[in-house]
Amino acid sequence: MSLPEEEVHMMIKQVLDETVGPNATYTQKDSVVWNQKAVENITKKLVASGKPFKYIVTSSFLQLSNGSGLHVSTISYWNKSTDTSYMYRWETKTMLAIVYVFAVAI
């Protein structure tokens, strides 16, 4: 059985709030570090849940500016009865992070 969506969203939000901070200002240099730390720490939290899944975590950081846009799409071919995915959107005044978690049953 997979983790409830609300629990995964809480994990992701907690990591992003701790790693980046809700009042941080986007810089390209910082976003590289934030991105790496975020996916590492989200993965650690998921693994610590003890569920029998392989996890794939991706994140994208985007600087928000007038007219910027981001379109993200994903598709997976897997066992719908055992595997799942989660998407979480996290935003501050200057940036947007989109995190995908794929949970594939072992």
PDB file of N, CA and C in Angstrom:
ATOM      1  N   MET A   1       0.844  -1.190   0.000  1.00  0.00           N
ATOM      2  CA  MET A   1       0.000   0.000   0.000  1.00  0.00           C
ATOM      3  C   MET A   1       0.882   1.243   0.000  1.00  0.00           C
ATOM      4  N   SER A   2       0.558   2.182  -0.860  1.00  0.00           N
ATOM      5  CA  SER A   2       1.341   3.411  -0.979  1.00  0.00           C
ATOM      6  C   SER A   2       1.002   4.399   0.128  1.00  0.00           C
ATOM      7  N   LEU A   3       1.828   5.411   0.227  1.00  0.00           N
ATOM      8  CA  LEU A   3       1.598   6.469   1.209  1.00  0.00           C
ATOM      9  C   LEU A   3       0.421   7.330   0.779  1.00  0.00           C
ATOM     10  N   PRO A   4      -0.360   7.831   1.731  1.00  0.00           N
ATOM     11  CA  PRO A   4      -1.438   8.757   1.374  1.00  0.00           C
ATOM     12  C   PRO A   4      -0.860  10.029   0.740  1.00  0.00           C
ATOM     13  N   GLU A   5      -1.574  10.559  -0.232  1.00  0.00           N
ATOM     14  CA  GLU A   5      -1.106  11.744  -0.936  1.00  0.00           C
ATOM     15  C   GLU A   5      -0.814  12.908   0.021  1.00  0.00           C
ATOM     16  N   GLU A   6      -1.667  13.095   1.023  1.00  0.00           N
ATOM     17  CA  GLU A   6      -1.475  14.199   1.969  1.00  0.00           C
ATOM     18  C   GLU A   6      -0.154  14.052   2.728  1.00  0.00           C
ATOM     19  N   GLU A   7       0.211  12.820   3.055  1.00  0.00           N
ATOM     20  CA  GLU A   7       1.455  12.568   3.785  1.00  0.00           C
ATOM     21  C   GLU A   7       2.671  12.892   2.909  1.00  0.00           C
ATOM     22  N   VAL A   8       2.622  12.503   1.649  1.00  0.00           N
ATOM     23  CA  VAL A   8       3.722  12.801   0.728  1.00  0.00           C
ATOM     24  C   VAL A   8       3.821  14.310   0.512  1.00  0.00           C
ATOM     25  N   HIS A   9       2.699  14.979   0.344  1.00  0.00           N
ATOM     26  CA  HIS A   9       2.705  16.438   0.169  1.00  0.00           C
ATOM     27  C   HIS A   9       3.299  17.131   1.393  1.00  0.00           C
ATOM     28  N   MET A  10       2.965  16.644   2.583  1.00  0.00           N
ATOM     29  CA  MET A  10       3.521  17.236   3.809  1.00  0.00           C
ATOM     30  C   MET A  10       5.036  17.053   3.858  1.00  0.00           C
ATOM     31  N   MET A  11       5.525  15.876   3.461  1.00  0.00           N
ATOM     32  CA  MET A  11       6.970  15.621   3.433  1.00  0.00           C
ATOM     33  C   MET A  11       7.661  16.597   2.489  1.00  0.00           C
ATOM     34  N   ILE A  12       7.117  16.736   1.297  1.00  0.00           N
ATOM     35  CA  ILE A  12       7.717  17.612   0.293  1.00  0.00           C
ATOM     36  C   ILE A  12       7.714  19.059   0.775  1.00  0.00           C
ATOM     37  N   LYS A  13       6.588  19.515   1.282  1.00  0.00           N
ATOM     38  CA  LYS A  13       6.485  20.892   1.774  1.00  0.00           C
ATOM     39  C   LYS A  13       7.480  21.147   2.897  1.00  0.00           C
ATOM     40  N   GLN A  14       7.572  20.207   3.830  1.00  0.00           N
ATOM     41  CA  GLN A  14       8.502  20.364   4.951  1.00  0.00           C
ATOM     42  C   GLN A  14       9.944  20.484   4.454  1.00  0.00           C
ATOM     43  N   VAL A  15      10.327  19.631   3.527  1.00  0.00           N
ATOM     44  CA  VAL A  15      11.692  19.684   2.995  1.00  0.00           C
ATOM     45  C   VAL A  15      11.945  21.000   2.273  1.00  0.00           C
ATOM     46  N   LEU A  16      11.021  21.428   1.427  1.00  0.00           N
ATOM     47  CA  LEU A  16      11.222  22.685   0.700  1.00  0.00           C
ATOM     48  C   LEU A  16      11.233  23.888   1.636  1.00  0.00           C
ATOM     49  N   ASP A  17      10.355  23.882   2.637  1.00  0.00           N
ATOM     50  CA  ASP A  17      10.354  24.980   3.613  1.00  0.00           C
ATOM     51  C   ASP A  17      11.676  25.043   4.367  1.00  0.00           C
ATOM     52  N   GLU A  18      12.234  23.867   4.715  1.00  0.00           N
ATOM     53  CA  GLU A  18      13.497  23.826   5.464  1.00  0.00           C
ATOM     54  C   GLU A  18      14.701  24.102   4.565  1.00  0.00           C
ATOM     55  N   THR A  19      14.670  23.601   3.351  1.00  0.00           N
ATOM     56  CA  THR A  19      15.815  23.718   2.447  1.00  0.00           C
ATOM     57  C   THR A  19      15.894  25.098   1.805  1.00  0.00           C
ATOM     58  N   VAL A  20      14.770  25.604   1.363  1.00  0.00           N
ATOM     59  CA  VAL A  20      14.736  26.878   0.642  1.00  0.00           C
ATOM     60  C   VAL A  20      14.228  27.996   1.541  1.00  0.00           C
ATOM     61  N   GLY A  21      13.102  27.771   2.161  1.00  0.00           N
ATOM     62  CA  GLY A  21      12.478  28.787   3.002  1.00  0.00           C
ATOM     63  C   GLY A  21      11.423  29.542   2.231  1.00  0.00           C
ATOM     64  N   PRO A  22      10.295  29.798   2.869  1.00  0.00           N
ATOM     65  CA  PRO A  22       9.179  30.441   2.178  1.00  0.00           C
ATOM     66  C   PRO A  22       9.441  31.896   1.789  1.00  0.00           C
ATOM     67  N   ASN A  23      10.491  32.507   2.338  1.00  0.00           N
ATOM     68  CA  ASN A  23      10.784  33.909   2.018  1.00  0.00           C
ATOM     69  C   ASN A  23      12.053  34.078   1.194  1.00  0.00           C
ATOM     70  N   ALA A  24      12.612  32.965   0.709  1.00  0.00           N
ATOM     71  CA  ALA A  24      13.852  33.035  -0.065  1.00  0.00           C
ATOM     72  C   ALA A  24      13.603  33.704  -1.416  1.00  0.00           C
ATOM     73  N   THR A  25      14.624  34.354  -1.914  1.00  0.00           N
ATOM     74  CA  THR A  25      14.578  34.974  -3.232  1.00  0.00           C
ATOM     75  C   THR A  25      15.356  34.103  -4.202  1.00  0.00           C
ATOM     76  N   TYR A  26      14.788  33.877  -5.359  1.00  0.00           N
ATOM     77  CA  TYR A  26      15.405  33.016  -6.356  1.00  0.00           C
ATOM     78  C   TYR A  26      16.718  33.587  -6.855  1.00  0.00           C
ATOM     79  N   THR A  27      17.734  32.736  -6.876  1.00  0.00           N
ATOM     80  CA  THR A  27      18.966  33.003  -7.619  1.00  0.00           C
ATOM     81  C   THR A  27      19.332  31.694  -8.302  1.00  0.00           C
ATOM     82  N   GLN A  28      19.923  31.788  -9.460  1.00  0.00           N
ATOM     83  CA  GLN A  28      20.274  30.591 -10.217  1.00  0.00           C
ATOM     84  C   GLN A  28      21.253  29.732  -9.417  1.00  0.00           C
ATOM     85  N   LYS A  29      22.250  30.361  -8.814  1.00  0.00           N
ATOM     86  CA  LYS A  29      23.273  29.644  -8.045  1.00  0.00           C
ATOM     87  C   LYS A  29      22.637  28.885  -6.881  1.00  0.00           C
ATOM     88  N   ASP A  30      21.772  29.541  -6.136  1.00  0.00           N
ATOM     89  CA  ASP A  30      21.122  28.888  -4.997  1.00  0.00           C
ATOM     90  C   ASP A  30      20.172  27.781  -5.452  1.00  0.00           C
ATOM     91  N   SER A  31      19.503  27.988  -6.573  1.00  0.00           N
ATOM     92  CA  SER A  31      18.517  27.004  -7.020  1.00  0.00           C
ATOM     93  C   SER A  31      19.161  25.655  -7.337  1.00  0.00           C
ATOM     94  N   VAL A  32      20.388  25.667  -7.804  1.00  0.00           N
ATOM     95  CA  VAL A  32      21.097  24.417  -8.085  1.00  0.00           C
ATOM     96  C   VAL A  32      21.288  23.625  -6.794  1.00  0.00           C
ATOM     97  N   VAL A  33      21.723  24.305  -5.756  1.00  0.00           N
ATOM     98  CA  VAL A  33      21.947  23.661  -4.451  1.00  0.00           C
ATOM     99  C   VAL A  33      20.615  23.231  -3.833  1.00  0.00           C
ATOM    100  N   TRP A  34      19.618  24.114  -3.856  1.00  0.00           N
ATOM    101  CA  TRP A  34      18.308  23.783  -3.301  1.00  0.00           C
ATOM    102  C   TRP A  34      17.713  22.553  -3.977  1.00  0.00           C
ATOM    103  N   ASN A  35      17.814  22.510  -5.284  1.00  0.00           N
ATOM    104  CA  ASN A  35      17.244  21.414  -6.048  1.00  0.00           C
ATOM    105  C   ASN A  35      17.870  20.080  -5.628  1.00  0.00           C
ATOM    106  N   GLN A  36      19.190  20.045  -5.562  1.00  0.00           N
ATOM    107  CA  GLN A  36      19.888  18.819  -5.183  1.00  0.00           C
ATOM    108  C   GLN A  36      19.535  18.391  -3.760  1.00  0.00           C
ATOM    109  N   LYS A  37      19.580  19.334  -2.828  1.00  0.00           N
ATOM    110  CA  LYS A  37      19.262  19.007  -1.430  1.00  0.00           C
ATOM    111  C   LYS A  37      17.806  18.572  -1.280  1.00  0.00           C
ATOM    112  N   ALA A  38      16.914  19.220  -2.001  1.00  0.00           N
ATOM    113  CA  ALA A  38      15.491  18.896  -1.886  1.00  0.00           C
ATOM    114  C   ALA A  38      15.215  17.462  -2.321  1.00  0.00           C
ATOM    115  N   VAL A  39      15.708  17.064  -3.493  1.00  0.00           N
ATOM    116  CA  VAL A  39      15.421  15.704  -3.951  1.00  0.00           C
ATOM    117  C   VAL A  39      16.078  14.664  -3.047  1.00  0.00           C
ATOM    118  N   GLU A  40      17.266  14.958  -2.540  1.00  0.00           N
ATOM    119  CA  GLU A  40      17.937  14.024  -1.625  1.00  0.00           C
ATOM    120  C   GLU A  40      17.131  13.861  -0.336  1.00  0.00           C
ATOM    121  N   ASN A  41      16.707  14.965   0.250  1.00  0.00           N
ATOM    122  CA  ASN A  41      15.999  14.900   1.534  1.00  0.00           C
ATOM    123  C   ASN A  41      14.577  14.361   1.395  1.00  0.00           C
ATOM    124  N   ILE A  42      13.912  14.661   0.296  1.00  0.00           N
ATOM    125  CA  ILE A  42      12.580  14.089   0.064  1.00  0.00           C
ATOM    126  C   ILE A  42      12.706  12.575  -0.075  1.00  0.00           C
ATOM    127  N   THR A  43      13.700  12.121  -0.828  1.00  0.00           N
ATOM    128  CA  THR A  43      13.913  10.682  -1.005  1.00  0.00           C
ATOM    129  C   THR A  43      14.207  10.005   0.333  1.00  0.00           C
ATOM    130  N   LYS A  44      15.038  10.616   1.158  1.00  0.00           N
ATOM    131  CA  LYS A  44      15.348  10.053   2.478  1.00  0.00           C
ATOM    132  C   LYS A  44      14.085   9.889   3.320  1.00  0.00           C
ATOM    133  N   LYS A  45      13.213  10.909   3.298  1.00  0.00           N
ATOM    134  CA  LYS A  45      11.972  10.833   4.074  1.00  0.00           C
ATOM    135  C   LYS A  45      11.058   9.726   3.550  1.00  0.00           C
ATOM    136  N   LEU A  46      10.978   9.593   2.244  1.00  0.00           N
ATOM    137  CA  LEU A  46      10.144   8.545   1.659  1.00  0.00           C
ATOM    138  C   LEU A  46      10.669   7.157   2.031  1.00  0.00           C
ATOM    139  N   VAL A  47      11.961   6.959   1.918  1.00  0.00           N
ATOM    140  CA  VAL A  47      12.562   5.668   2.261  1.00  0.00           C
ATOM    141  C   VAL A  47      12.352   5.365   3.743  1.00  0.00           C
ATOM    142  N   ALA A  48      12.458   6.390   4.593  1.00  0.00           N
ATOM    143  CA  ALA A  48      12.274   6.204   6.034  1.00  0.00           C
ATOM    144  C   ALA A  48      10.851   5.783   6.389  1.00  0.00           C
ATOM    145  N   SER A  49       9.911   5.986   5.482  1.00  0.00           N
ATOM    146  CA  SER A  49       8.527   5.579   5.756  1.00  0.00           C
ATOM    147  C   SER A  49       8.391   4.063   5.818  1.00  0.00           C
ATOM    148  N   GLY A  50       9.366   3.355   5.272  1.00  0.00           N
ATOM    149  CA  GLY A  50       9.369   1.904   5.367  1.00  0.00           C
ATOM    150  C   GLY A  50       8.440   1.181   4.403  1.00  0.00           C
ATOM    151  N   LYS A  51       7.886   1.881   3.443  1.00  0.00           N
ATOM    152  CA  LYS A  51       6.995   1.254   2.466  1.00  0.00           C
ATOM    153  C   LYS A  51       7.834   0.524   1.399  1.00  0.00           C
ATOM    154  N   PRO A  52       7.321  -0.584   0.858  1.00  0.00           N
ATOM    155  CA  PRO A  52       8.095  -1.381  -0.110  1.00  0.00           C
ATOM    156  C   PRO A  52       8.043  -0.804  -1.531  1.00  0.00           C
ATOM    157  N   PHE A  53       8.701   0.335  -1.720  1.00  0.00           N
ATOM    158  CA  PHE A  53       8.712   1.000  -3.015  1.00  0.00           C
ATOM    159  C   PHE A  53      10.127   1.443  -3.376  1.00  0.00           C
ATOM    160  N   LYS A  54      10.367   1.517  -4.668  1.00  0.00           N
ATOM    161  CA  LYS A  54      11.518   2.241  -5.198  1.00  0.00           C
ATOM    162  C   LYS A  54      10.988   3.634  -5.500  1.00  0.00           C
ATOM    163  N   TYR A  55      11.751   4.656  -5.142  1.00  0.00           N
ATOM    164  CA  TYR A  55      11.290   6.028  -5.345  1.00  0.00           C
ATOM    165  C   TYR A  55      12.147   6.740  -6.378  1.00  0.00           C
ATOM    166  N   ILE A  56      11.493   7.499  -7.211  1.00  0.00           N
ATOM    167  CA  ILE A  56      12.145   8.388  -8.158  1.00  0.00           C
ATOM    168  C   ILE A  56      11.597   9.779  -7.850  1.00  0.00           C
ATOM    169  N   VAL A  57      12.483  10.709  -7.544  1.00  0.00           N
ATOM    170  CA  VAL A  57      12.064  12.061  -7.178  1.00  0.00           C
ATOM    171  C   VAL A  57      12.713  13.042  -8.143  1.00  0.00           C
ATOM    172  N   THR A  58      11.896  13.891  -8.747  1.00  0.00           N
ATOM    173  CA  THR A  58      12.406  14.945  -9.618  1.00  0.00           C
ATOM    174  C   THR A  58      11.842  16.277  -9.156  1.00  0.00           C
ATOM    175  N   SER A  59      12.618  17.317  -9.363  1.00  0.00           N
ATOM    176  CA  SER A  59      12.091  18.650  -9.058  1.00  0.00           C
ATOM    177  C   SER A  59      12.637  19.644 -10.066  1.00  0.00           C
ATOM    178  N   SER A  60      11.859  20.671 -10.285  1.00  0.00           N
ATOM    179  CA  SER A  60      12.240  21.765 -11.179  1.00  0.00           C
ATOM    180  C   SER A  60      11.973  23.064 -10.455  1.00  0.00           C
ATOM    181  N   PHE A  61      12.949  23.956 -10.495  1.00  0.00           N
ATOM    182  CA  PHE A  61      12.786  25.291  -9.923  1.00  0.00           C
ATOM    183  C   PHE A  61      12.716  26.282 -11.070  1.00  0.00           C
ATOM    184  N   LEU A  62      11.787  27.203 -10.975  1.00  0.00           N
ATOM    185  CA  LEU A  62      11.586  28.212 -12.009  1.00  0.00           C
ATOM    186  C   LEU A  62      11.522  29.581 -11.353  1.00  0.00           C
ATOM    187  N   GLN A  63      12.286  30.517 -11.899  1.00  0.00           N
ATOM    188  CA  GLN A  63      12.196  31.897 -11.430  1.00  0.00           C
ATOM    189  C   GLN A  63      10.920  32.500 -11.979  1.00  0.00           C
ATOM    190  N   LEU A  64      10.136  33.068 -11.091  1.00  0.00           N
ATOM    191  CA  LEU A  64       8.905  33.716 -11.521  1.00  0.00           C
ATOM    192  C   LEU A  64       9.213  35.142 -11.936  1.00  0.00           C
ATOM    193  N   SER A  65       8.825  35.467 -13.127  1.00  0.00           N
ATOM    194  CA  SER A  65       8.959  36.836 -13.616  1.00  0.00           C
ATOM    195  C   SER A  65       7.770  37.097 -14.522  1.00  0.00           C
ATOM    196  N   ASN A  66       7.611  38.302 -14.889  1.00  0.00           N
ATOM    197  CA  ASN A  66       6.465  38.684 -15.706  1.00  0.00           C
ATOM    198  C   ASN A  66       6.482  37.918 -17.025  1.00  0.00           C
ATOM    199  N   GLY A  67       5.466  37.120 -17.242  1.00  0.00           N
ATOM    200  CA  GLY A  67       5.350  36.401 -18.496  1.00  0.00           C
ATOM    201  C   GLY A  67       5.992  35.028 -18.533  1.00  0.00           C
ATOM    202  N   SER A  68       6.659  34.620 -17.448  1.00  0.00           N
ATOM    203  CA  SER A  68       7.277  33.296 -17.487  1.00  0.00           C
ATOM    204  C   SER A  68       6.195  32.223 -17.422  1.00  0.00           C
ATOM    205  N   GLY A  69       6.511  31.098 -18.040  1.00  0.00           N
ATOM    206  CA  GLY A  69       5.542  30.006 -18.051  1.00  0.00           C
ATOM    207  C   GLY A  69       6.263  28.681 -17.937  1.00  0.00           C
ATOM    208  N   LEU A  70       5.539  27.686 -17.474  1.00  0.00           N
ATOM    209  CA  LEU A  70       6.095  26.343 -17.335  1.00  0.00           C
ATOM    210  C   LEU A  70       4.980  25.356 -17.602  1.00  0.00           C
ATOM    211  N   HIS A  71       5.245  24.431 -18.484  1.00  0.00           N
ATOM    212  CA  HIS A  71       4.295  23.370 -18.781  1.00  0.00           C
ATOM    213  C   HIS A  71       5.013  22.054 -18.519  1.00  0.00           C
ATOM    214  N   VAL A  72       4.436  21.230 -17.663  1.00  0.00           N
ATOM    215  CA  VAL A  72       5.054  19.966 -17.282  1.00  0.00           C
ATOM    216  C   VAL A  72       4.052  18.856 -17.522  1.00  0.00           C
ATOM    217  N   SER A  73       4.551  17.750 -18.050  1.00  0.00           N
ATOM    218  CA  SER A  73       3.699  16.599 -18.300  1.00  0.00           C
ATOM    219  C   SER A  73       4.484  15.337 -18.010  1.00  0.00           C
ATOM    220  N   THR A  74       3.805  14.308 -17.568  1.00  0.00           N
ATOM    221  CA  THR A  74       4.461  13.028 -17.324  1.00  0.00           C
ATOM    222  C   THR A  74       3.479  11.901 -17.606  1.00  0.00           C
ATOM    223  N   ILE A  75       4.023  10.785 -18.015  1.00  0.00           N
ATOM    224  CA  ILE A  75       3.209   9.595 -18.216  1.00  0.00           C
ATOM    225  C   ILE A  75       4.068   8.398 -17.821  1.00  0.00           C
ATOM    226  N   SER A  76       3.433   7.398 -17.275  1.00  0.00           N
ATOM    227  CA  SER A  76       4.147   6.203 -16.843  1.00  0.00           C
ATOM    228  C   SER A  76       3.397   4.971 -17.304  1.00  0.00           C
ATOM    229  N   TYR A  77       4.140   3.955 -17.669  1.00  0.00           N
ATOM    230  CA  TYR A  77       3.558   2.672 -18.028  1.00  0.00           C
ATOM    231  C   TYR A  77       3.963   1.709 -16.928  1.00  0.00           C
ATOM    232  N   TRP A  78       2.982   1.328 -16.091  1.00  0.00           N
ATOM    233  CA  TRP A  78       3.288   0.489 -14.945  1.00  0.00           C
ATOM    234  C   TRP A  78       2.043  -0.219 -14.453  1.00  0.00           C
ATOM    235  N   ASN A  79       2.173  -0.850 -13.313  1.00  0.00           N
ATOM    236  CA  ASN A  79       1.048  -1.566 -12.714  1.00  0.00           C
ATOM    237  C   ASN A  79       0.232  -0.583 -11.885  1.00  0.00           C
ATOM    238  N   LYS A  80      -0.932  -0.200 -12.376  1.00  0.00           N
ATOM    239  CA  LYS A  80      -1.757   0.800 -11.697  1.00  0.00           C
ATOM    240  C   LYS A  80      -2.261   0.344 -10.336  1.00  0.00           C
ATOM    241  N   SER A  81      -2.267  -0.941 -10.087  1.00  0.00           N
ATOM    242  CA  SER A  81      -2.756  -1.426  -8.792  1.00  0.00           C
ATOM    243  C   SER A  81      -1.690  -1.364  -7.703  1.00  0.00           C
ATOM    244  N   THR A  82      -0.397  -1.232  -8.078  1.00  0.00           N
ATOM    245  CA  THR A  82       0.654  -1.206  -7.060  1.00  0.00           C
ATOM    246  C   THR A  82       1.539   0.028  -7.113  1.00  0.00           C
ATOM    247  N   ASP A  83       1.635   0.673  -8.252  1.00  0.00           N
ATOM    248  CA  ASP A  83       2.534   1.812  -8.421  1.00  0.00           C
ATOM    249  C   ASP A  83       1.735   3.111  -8.456  1.00  0.00           C
ATOM    250  N   THR A  84       2.405   4.203  -8.091  1.00  0.00           N
ATOM    251  CA  THR A  84       1.699   5.482  -8.065  1.00  0.00           C
ATOM    252  C   THR A  84       2.671   6.644  -8.249  1.00  0.00           C
ATOM    253  N   SER A  85       2.123   7.816  -8.446  1.00  0.00           N
ATOM    254  CA  SER A  85       2.943   9.019  -8.528  1.00  0.00           C
ATOM    255  C   SER A  85       2.234  10.155  -7.803  1.00  0.00           C
ATOM    256  N   TYR A  86       3.033  11.135  -7.432  1.00  0.00           N
ATOM    257  CA  TYR A  86       2.533  12.304  -6.717  1.00  0.00           C
ATOM    258  C   TYR A  86       3.152  13.548  -7.357  1.00  0.00           C
ATOM    259  N   MET A  87       2.418  14.627  -7.393  1.00  0.00           N
ATOM    260  CA  MET A  87       2.929  15.902  -7.873  1.00  0.00           C
ATOM    261  C   MET A  87       2.619  16.954  -6.817  1.00  0.00           C
ATOM    262  N   TYR A  88       3.613  17.818  -6.554  1.00  0.00           N
ATOM    263  CA  TYR A  88       3.410  18.881  -5.574  1.00  0.00           C
ATOM    264  C   TYR A  88       3.955  20.189  -6.136  1.00  0.00           C
ATOM    265  N   ARG A  89       3.183  21.236  -5.984  1.00  0.00           N
ATOM    266  CA  ARG A  89       3.560  22.582  -6.424  1.00  0.00           C
ATOM    267  C   ARG A  89       3.852  23.428  -5.187  1.00  0.00           C
ATOM    268  N   TRP A  90       5.037  24.035  -5.162  1.00  0.00           N
ATOM    269  CA  TRP A  90       5.464  24.863  -4.039  1.00  0.00           C
ATOM    270  C   TRP A  90       5.891  26.201  -4.613  1.00  0.00           C
ATOM    271  N   GLU A  91       5.425  27.297  -4.005  1.00  0.00           N
ATOM    272  CA  GLU A  91       5.648  28.604  -4.609  1.00  0.00           C
ATOM    273  C   GLU A  91       5.978  29.658  -3.562  1.00  0.00           C
ATOM    274  N   THR A  92       6.876  30.563  -3.944  1.00  0.00           N
ATOM    275  CA  THR A  92       7.137  31.777  -3.170  1.00  0.00           C
ATOM    276  C   THR A  92       6.862  32.954  -4.094  1.00  0.00           C
ATOM    277  N   LYS A  93       7.180  34.151  -3.643  1.00  0.00           N
ATOM    278  CA  LYS A  93       6.948  35.332  -4.476  1.00  0.00           C
ATOM    279  C   LYS A  93       7.854  35.357  -5.707  1.00  0.00           C
ATOM    280  N   THR A  94       9.028  34.702  -5.624  1.00  0.00           N
ATOM    281  CA  THR A  94       9.986  34.798  -6.723  1.00  0.00           C
ATOM    282  C   THR A  94      10.273  33.478  -7.436  1.00  0.00           C
ATOM    283  N   MET A  95       9.706  32.361  -6.941  1.00  0.00           N
ATOM    284  CA  MET A  95      10.018  31.087  -7.585  1.00  0.00           C
ATOM    285  C   MET A  95       8.898  30.072  -7.434  1.00  0.00           C
ATOM    286  N   LEU A  96       8.988  29.086  -8.299  1.00  0.00           N
ATOM    287  CA  LEU A  96       8.045  27.983  -8.310  1.00  0.00           C
ATOM    288  C   LEU A  96       8.857  26.691  -8.349  1.00  0.00           C
ATOM    289  N   ALA A  97       8.466  25.727  -7.531  1.00  0.00           N
ATOM    290  CA  ALA A  97       9.076  24.396  -7.580  1.00  0.00           C
ATOM    291  C   ALA A  97       7.976  23.382  -7.863  1.00  0.00           C
ATOM    292  N   ILE A  98       8.250  22.498  -8.801  1.00  0.00           N
ATOM    293  CA  ILE A  98       7.349  21.390  -9.110  1.00  0.00           C
ATOM    294  C   ILE A  98       8.120  20.109  -8.769  1.00  0.00           C
ATOM    295  N   VAL A  99       7.528  19.290  -7.891  1.00  0.00           N
ATOM    296  CA  VAL A  99       8.168  18.048  -7.478  1.00  0.00           C
ATOM    297  C   VAL A  99       7.283  16.878  -7.880  1.00  0.00           C
ATOM    298  N   TYR A 100       7.905  15.906  -8.534  1.00  0.00           N
ATOM    299  CA  TYR A 100       7.241  14.655  -8.854  1.00  0.00           C
ATOM    300  C   TYR A 100       7.882  13.537  -8.078  1.00  0.00           C
ATOM    301  N   VAL A 101       7.064  12.660  -7.519  1.00  0.00           N
ATOM    302  CA  VAL A 101       7.544  11.454  -6.858  1.00  0.00           C
ATOM    303  C   VAL A 101       6.862  10.277  -7.544  1.00  0.00           C
ATOM    304  N   PHE A 102       7.683   9.339  -7.974  1.00  0.00           N
ATOM    305  CA  PHE A 102       7.174   8.101  -8.545  1.00  0.00           C
ATOM    306  C   PHE A 102       7.484   6.978  -7.571  1.00  0.00           C
ATOM    307  N   ALA A 103       6.482   6.226  -7.170  1.00  0.00           N
ATOM    308  CA  ALA A 103       6.639   5.128  -6.227  1.00  0.00           C
ATOM    309  C   ALA A 103       6.331   3.835  -6.974  1.00  0.00           C
ATOM    310  N   VAL A 104       7.357   3.011  -7.155  1.00  0.00           N
ATOM    311  CA  VAL A 104       7.224   1.768  -7.904  1.00  0.00           C
ATOM    312  C   VAL A 104       7.395   0.614  -6.937  1.00  0.00           C
ATOM    313  N   ALA A 105       6.386  -0.244  -6.855  1.00  0.00           N
ATOM    314  CA  ALA A 105       6.399  -1.356  -5.906  1.00  0.00           C
ATOM    315  C   ALA A 105       7.576  -2.292  -6.161  1.00  0.00           C
ATOM    316  N   ILE A 106       8.143  -2.776  -5.078  1.00  0.00           N
ATOM    317  CA  ILE A 106       9.248  -3.735  -5.163  1.00  0.00           C
ATOM    318  C   ILE A 106       8.685  -5.131  -5.302  1.00  0.00           C
TER     319      ILE A 106
END
